[in-house]
Protein backbone atom coordinates (compact mmCIF):
# COMPACT_ATOMS: atom_id res chain seq x y z
CA UNK A 1 126.94 117.61 83.88
CA UNK A 2 124.49 117.37 86.77
CA UNK A 3 122.16 120.27 87.27
CA UNK A 4 120.93 121.33 90.67
CA UNK A 5 117.25 120.59 91.08
CA UNK A 6 115.04 123.66 90.99
CA UNK A 7 114.08 124.79 94.48
CA UNK A 8 110.43 125.11 95.47
CA UNK A 9 108.84 128.49 94.88
CA UNK A 10 107.84 128.63 98.54
CA UNK A 11 111.48 128.37 99.67
CA UNK A 12 112.49 131.19 97.31
CA UNK A 13 109.58 133.24 98.67
CA UNK A 14 110.84 132.71 102.24
CA UNK A 15 114.33 133.82 101.30
CA UNK A 16 112.90 136.90 99.60
CA UNK A 17 110.86 137.71 102.68
CA UNK A 18 113.96 137.45 104.90
CA UNK A 19 115.98 139.70 102.58
CA UNK A 20 113.22 142.29 102.49
CA UNK A 21 113.02 142.22 106.31
CA UNK A 22 116.81 142.63 106.61
CA UNK A 23 116.97 145.64 104.33
CA UNK A 24 120.25 147.53 104.84
CA UNK A 25 120.85 146.15 108.35
CA UNK A 26 123.97 144.11 108.98
CA UNK A 27 123.74 140.56 110.32
CA UNK A 28 125.57 141.71 113.44
CA UNK A 29 122.88 144.34 114.06
CA UNK A 30 120.13 141.76 113.57
CA UNK A 31 121.83 139.41 116.04
CA UNK A 32 122.13 142.17 118.70
CA UNK A 33 118.45 143.15 118.40
CA UNK A 34 117.32 139.51 118.46
CA UNK A 35 119.42 138.91 121.57
CA UNK A 36 117.87 141.97 123.21
CA UNK A 37 114.46 140.53 122.32
CA UNK A 38 115.33 137.32 124.18
CA UNK A 39 115.90 135.26 121.04
CA UNK A 40 119.70 134.96 120.94
CA UNK A 41 121.10 133.87 117.59
CA UNK A 42 124.55 133.88 116.02
CA UNK A 43 125.56 135.94 113.01
CA UNK A 44 126.49 132.74 111.13
CA UNK A 45 123.02 131.27 111.69
CA UNK A 46 121.37 134.41 110.33
CA UNK A 47 123.68 134.41 107.32
CA UNK A 48 122.93 130.73 106.56
CA UNK A 49 119.20 131.51 106.51
CA UNK A 50 119.79 133.19 103.15
CA UNK A 51 122.07 130.57 101.55
CA UNK A 52 119.24 128.52 99.96
CA UNK A 53 118.68 125.96 102.69
CA UNK A 54 115.54 125.76 104.80
CA UNK A 55 116.19 127.53 108.14
CA UNK A 56 114.53 126.51 111.38
CA UNK A 57 111.41 128.26 112.61
CA UNK A 58 113.38 129.69 115.53
CA UNK A 59 115.92 131.21 113.14
CA UNK A 60 113.14 132.86 111.12
CA UNK A 61 111.58 134.21 114.32
CA UNK A 62 114.93 135.56 115.52
CA UNK A 63 115.55 137.09 112.07
CA UNK A 64 112.14 138.79 112.16
CA UNK A 65 112.63 140.03 115.73
CA UNK A 66 116.04 141.45 114.92
CA UNK A 67 114.62 143.19 111.84
CA UNK A 68 111.45 144.38 113.55
CA UNK A 69 109.32 142.41 111.07
CA UNK A 70 106.02 140.56 111.59
CA UNK A 71 106.96 137.26 113.25
CA UNK A 72 103.57 135.65 112.57
CA UNK A 73 103.85 136.41 108.87
CA UNK A 74 107.36 134.99 108.87
CA UNK A 75 106.08 131.82 110.53
CA UNK A 76 103.39 131.44 107.85
CA UNK A 77 105.90 131.87 105.02
CA UNK A 78 108.24 129.38 106.73
CA UNK A 79 105.41 126.83 107.15
CA UNK A 80 104.61 127.00 103.43
CA UNK A 81 108.28 126.53 102.56
CA UNK A 82 108.57 123.59 104.95
CA UNK A 83 105.53 121.88 103.42
CA UNK A 84 107.06 122.25 99.96
CA UNK A 85 110.53 121.04 100.95
CA UNK A 86 109.39 118.24 103.28
CA UNK A 87 105.97 117.05 102.11
CA UNK A 88 104.06 114.65 104.32
CA UNK A 89 104.49 111.06 103.15
CA UNK A 90 101.46 109.51 101.50
CA UNK A 91 100.11 106.92 103.90
CA UNK A 92 98.58 103.82 102.41
CA UNK A 93 95.15 103.28 103.96
CA UNK A 94 94.85 100.25 106.18
CA UNK A 95 93.16 97.27 104.59
CA UNK A 96 89.66 96.53 105.82
CA UNK A 97 89.23 93.13 107.49
CA UNK A 98 85.61 91.92 107.75
CA UNK A 99 84.41 90.83 111.17
CA UNK A 100 82.98 87.54 112.35
CA UNK A 101 79.37 88.72 112.34
CA UNK A 102 78.79 88.41 108.58
CA UNK A 103 76.20 85.68 107.99
CA UNK A 104 74.15 87.02 105.05
CA UNK A 105 74.65 87.70 101.37
CA UNK A 106 73.96 91.41 101.91
CA UNK A 107 76.54 91.54 104.70
CA UNK A 108 79.16 89.89 102.51
CA UNK A 109 78.45 92.33 99.67
CA UNK A 110 78.82 95.28 102.07
CA UNK A 111 82.12 93.89 103.36
CA UNK A 112 83.43 93.48 99.80
CA UNK A 113 82.50 97.08 99.04
CA UNK A 114 84.42 98.25 102.13
CA UNK A 115 87.44 96.27 100.97
CA UNK A 116 87.18 97.97 97.56
CA UNK A 117 86.86 101.44 99.13
CA UNK A 118 89.91 100.79 101.33
CA UNK A 119 91.83 99.92 98.16
CA UNK A 120 90.99 103.30 96.64
CA UNK A 121 87.73 102.33 94.91
CA UNK A 122 89.11 100.63 91.76
CA UNK A 123 86.62 100.03 88.95
CA UNK A 124 85.32 96.55 88.18
CA UNK A 125 87.28 96.58 84.92
CA UNK A 126 90.48 97.42 86.75
CA UNK A 127 89.88 94.65 89.30
CA UNK A 128 89.09 92.09 86.61
CA UNK A 129 92.20 93.04 84.59
CA UNK A 130 94.48 93.16 87.63
CA UNK A 131 97.54 90.88 87.34
CA UNK A 132 97.03 89.89 90.98
CA UNK A 133 93.61 88.45 90.14
CA UNK A 134 95.28 86.03 87.69
CA UNK A 135 92.17 85.74 85.53
CA UNK A 136 89.93 84.70 88.43
CA UNK A 137 87.53 87.65 88.09
CA UNK A 138 84.93 88.85 85.63
CA UNK A 139 83.10 92.16 85.76
CA UNK A 140 79.68 90.52 85.68
CA UNK A 141 80.51 88.16 88.56
CA UNK A 142 81.94 91.05 90.58
CA UNK A 143 78.84 93.14 89.89
CA UNK A 144 76.56 90.34 91.09
CA UNK A 145 78.64 89.80 94.23
CA UNK A 146 78.89 93.48 95.13
CA UNK A 147 75.12 93.92 94.70
CA UNK A 148 74.26 90.79 96.72
CA UNK A 149 72.66 89.13 93.70
CA UNK A 150 74.67 85.93 93.88
CA UNK A 151 76.96 84.27 96.42
CA UNK A 152 80.52 84.67 95.10
CA UNK A 153 82.67 81.60 94.71
CA UNK A 154 85.80 80.97 96.76
CA UNK A 155 87.87 81.59 93.63
CA UNK A 156 86.25 84.98 93.09
CA UNK A 157 86.68 86.06 96.72
CA UNK A 158 90.36 85.07 96.78
CA UNK A 159 90.96 86.87 93.47
CA UNK A 160 89.02 89.93 94.62
CA UNK A 161 91.08 90.27 97.80
CA UNK A 162 94.32 89.87 95.81
CA UNK A 163 93.24 92.46 93.22
CA UNK A 164 92.45 94.94 96.02
CA UNK A 165 95.85 94.29 97.61
CA UNK A 166 94.01 93.50 100.83
CA UNK A 167 96.26 90.71 102.09
CA UNK A 168 95.70 87.29 103.56
CA UNK A 169 93.72 88.38 106.62
CA UNK A 170 91.04 90.00 104.50
CA UNK A 171 90.91 87.06 102.09
CA UNK A 172 90.55 84.62 104.95
CA UNK A 173 87.80 86.70 106.56
CA UNK A 174 85.81 86.89 103.30
CA UNK A 175 86.11 83.14 102.75
CA UNK A 176 85.06 82.41 106.33
CA UNK A 177 82.01 84.66 105.89
CA UNK A 178 81.05 82.74 102.76
CA UNK A 179 81.32 79.46 104.67
CA UNK A 180 79.03 80.82 107.39
CA UNK A 181 76.46 81.91 104.80
CA UNK A 182 76.46 78.45 103.23
CA UNK A 183 76.04 76.85 106.64
CA UNK A 184 72.91 78.93 107.26
CA UNK A 185 71.66 80.28 110.58
CA UNK A 186 72.63 78.25 113.60
CA UNK A 187 69.76 76.82 115.66
CA UNK A 188 69.41 77.96 119.25
CA UNK A 189 70.96 75.51 121.73
CA UNK A 190 67.71 75.24 123.71
CA UNK A 191 66.02 73.66 120.68
CA UNK A 192 68.68 71.05 120.10
CA UNK A 193 69.41 67.79 121.83
CA UNK A 194 72.62 67.85 123.93
CA UNK A 195 74.92 65.90 121.66
CA UNK A 196 73.79 68.06 118.77
CA UNK A 197 75.04 71.19 120.54
CA UNK A 198 78.56 69.85 120.63
CA UNK A 199 78.31 68.45 117.12
CA UNK A 200 77.13 71.82 115.80
CA UNK A 201 80.06 73.62 117.42
CA UNK A 202 82.50 71.14 115.91
CA UNK A 203 80.85 71.46 112.47
CA UNK A 204 81.24 75.23 112.58
CA UNK A 205 84.93 74.92 113.35
CA UNK A 206 85.34 72.65 110.34
CA UNK A 207 83.47 75.12 108.10
CA UNK A 208 85.78 77.97 109.09
CA UNK A 209 88.84 75.76 108.69
CA UNK A 210 87.92 74.74 105.14
CA UNK A 211 88.79 78.18 103.78
CA UNK A 212 92.42 77.86 104.80
CA UNK A 213 93.39 75.84 101.74
CA UNK A 214 93.25 79.12 99.81
CA UNK A 215 95.87 80.69 102.09
CA UNK A 216 99.46 79.63 102.43
CA UNK A 217 100.29 77.70 105.60
CA UNK A 218 102.25 79.56 108.25
CA UNK A 219 103.94 78.19 111.31
CA UNK A 220 102.30 80.87 113.44
CA UNK A 221 98.62 81.79 113.51
CA UNK A 222 97.84 85.37 112.64
CA UNK A 223 95.40 87.46 114.68
CA UNK A 224 92.36 86.42 112.65
CA UNK A 225 93.11 82.71 112.95
CA UNK A 226 93.61 83.15 116.69
CA UNK A 227 90.28 84.96 116.88
CA UNK A 228 88.55 82.10 115.07
CA UNK A 229 90.25 79.52 117.26
CA UNK A 230 89.39 81.33 120.49
CA UNK A 231 85.77 81.74 119.43
CA UNK A 232 85.50 78.08 118.50
CA UNK A 233 87.05 76.93 121.76
CA UNK A 234 84.78 79.21 123.80
CA UNK A 235 81.71 77.90 122.01
CA UNK A 236 82.85 74.33 122.54
CA UNK A 237 83.28 74.99 126.27
CA UNK A 238 79.85 76.61 126.49
CA UNK A 239 78.27 73.61 124.77
CA UNK A 240 80.02 71.14 127.06
CA UNK A 241 79.02 73.09 130.18
CA UNK A 242 75.41 73.20 129.00
CA UNK A 243 75.41 69.44 128.45
CA UNK A 244 77.04 68.75 131.82
CA UNK A 245 74.52 70.93 133.67
CA UNK A 246 71.42 69.16 132.34
CA UNK A 247 69.27 67.58 135.07
CA UNK A 248 67.44 64.28 134.73
CA UNK A 249 64.15 66.12 134.29
CA UNK A 250 65.61 68.29 131.53
CA UNK A 251 66.98 65.22 129.79
CA UNK A 252 63.56 63.56 129.92
CA UNK A 253 61.92 66.70 128.51
CA UNK A 254 64.45 66.90 125.66
CA UNK A 255 63.93 63.20 124.96
CA UNK A 256 60.15 63.72 124.66
CA UNK A 257 60.58 66.79 122.42
CA UNK A 258 62.98 64.90 120.22
CA UNK A 259 60.62 61.96 119.86
CA UNK A 260 57.75 64.34 119.08
CA UNK A 261 59.49 65.76 116.00
CA UNK A 262 60.18 62.32 114.61
CA UNK A 263 63.88 62.15 115.41
CA UNK A 264 65.51 58.76 115.47
CA UNK A 265 64.41 56.68 118.45
CA UNK A 266 67.52 56.44 120.55
CA UNK A 267 68.45 57.24 124.12
CA UNK A 268 69.90 60.67 124.84
CA UNK A 269 71.52 59.24 127.94
CA UNK A 270 73.32 56.65 125.85
CA UNK A 271 74.46 59.29 123.35
CA UNK A 272 75.73 61.53 126.15
CA UNK A 273 77.63 58.64 127.67
CA UNK A 274 79.21 57.90 124.30
CA UNK A 275 80.14 61.53 123.86
CA UNK A 276 81.68 61.65 127.34
CA UNK A 277 83.90 58.70 126.46
CA UNK A 278 85.05 60.37 123.23
CA UNK A 279 85.68 63.69 124.96
CA UNK A 280 87.62 61.99 127.75
CA UNK A 281 85.09 62.79 130.42
CA UNK A 282 83.85 60.43 133.14
CA UNK A 283 80.35 59.11 132.58
CA UNK A 284 77.54 60.22 134.85
């Protein structure tokens, strides 16, 4: 035999408040007074307000007006009953996705901590024992990574993201940040010879792409992959424009600076011509 679930105390309190406000008045009398107070309501609606279901706020207000009771108090009692009967759904916090500016061990550790906080702040033991981590984590390695004492491995970062339930975008962002840290700071273009600018941009694209073997292949790029691709293409275009805009005097100056630091003795003009052929550009 199925039993009816116990009703919330707040709903019973609302029904008791309505009955106390009604007193010895008939529902017809309540309806007439509510109508006179410019809150028309039917007798059936007033009667249903006491049958155990949650009435509408307007019904409670009309009931109170017809009974001459405090409408604001009735609204407060109704709000409490509504919160008990229809609680707000628990919203899962959005996963944190690290940005593209992480280039240091401290920055990576801070990003990992934000990922952990977004996951509800699980302990290191809970992360290490998580089934999603699949044995890829240890508490000591996590402690070192989260305190910027040691660069975490790709295996640890992938397992950490999985244990936090952060998803592929976060895992990919953490792995890309690790690749940037390993690559070290990028030299300023003004200190490099022209072909090196383009080579450096291509090398960076390869470093970011190497992390993708940890993530399943999809037919469509997600937003983070598109962001990486757009950044790489923009940097490639900037490098090519810089090379194309070099004057003969600037080329001679770069050639002298390159020779002064002991770089290999070769012609920048010849290297640029070779690059132009590879890139499909006309020489000149």
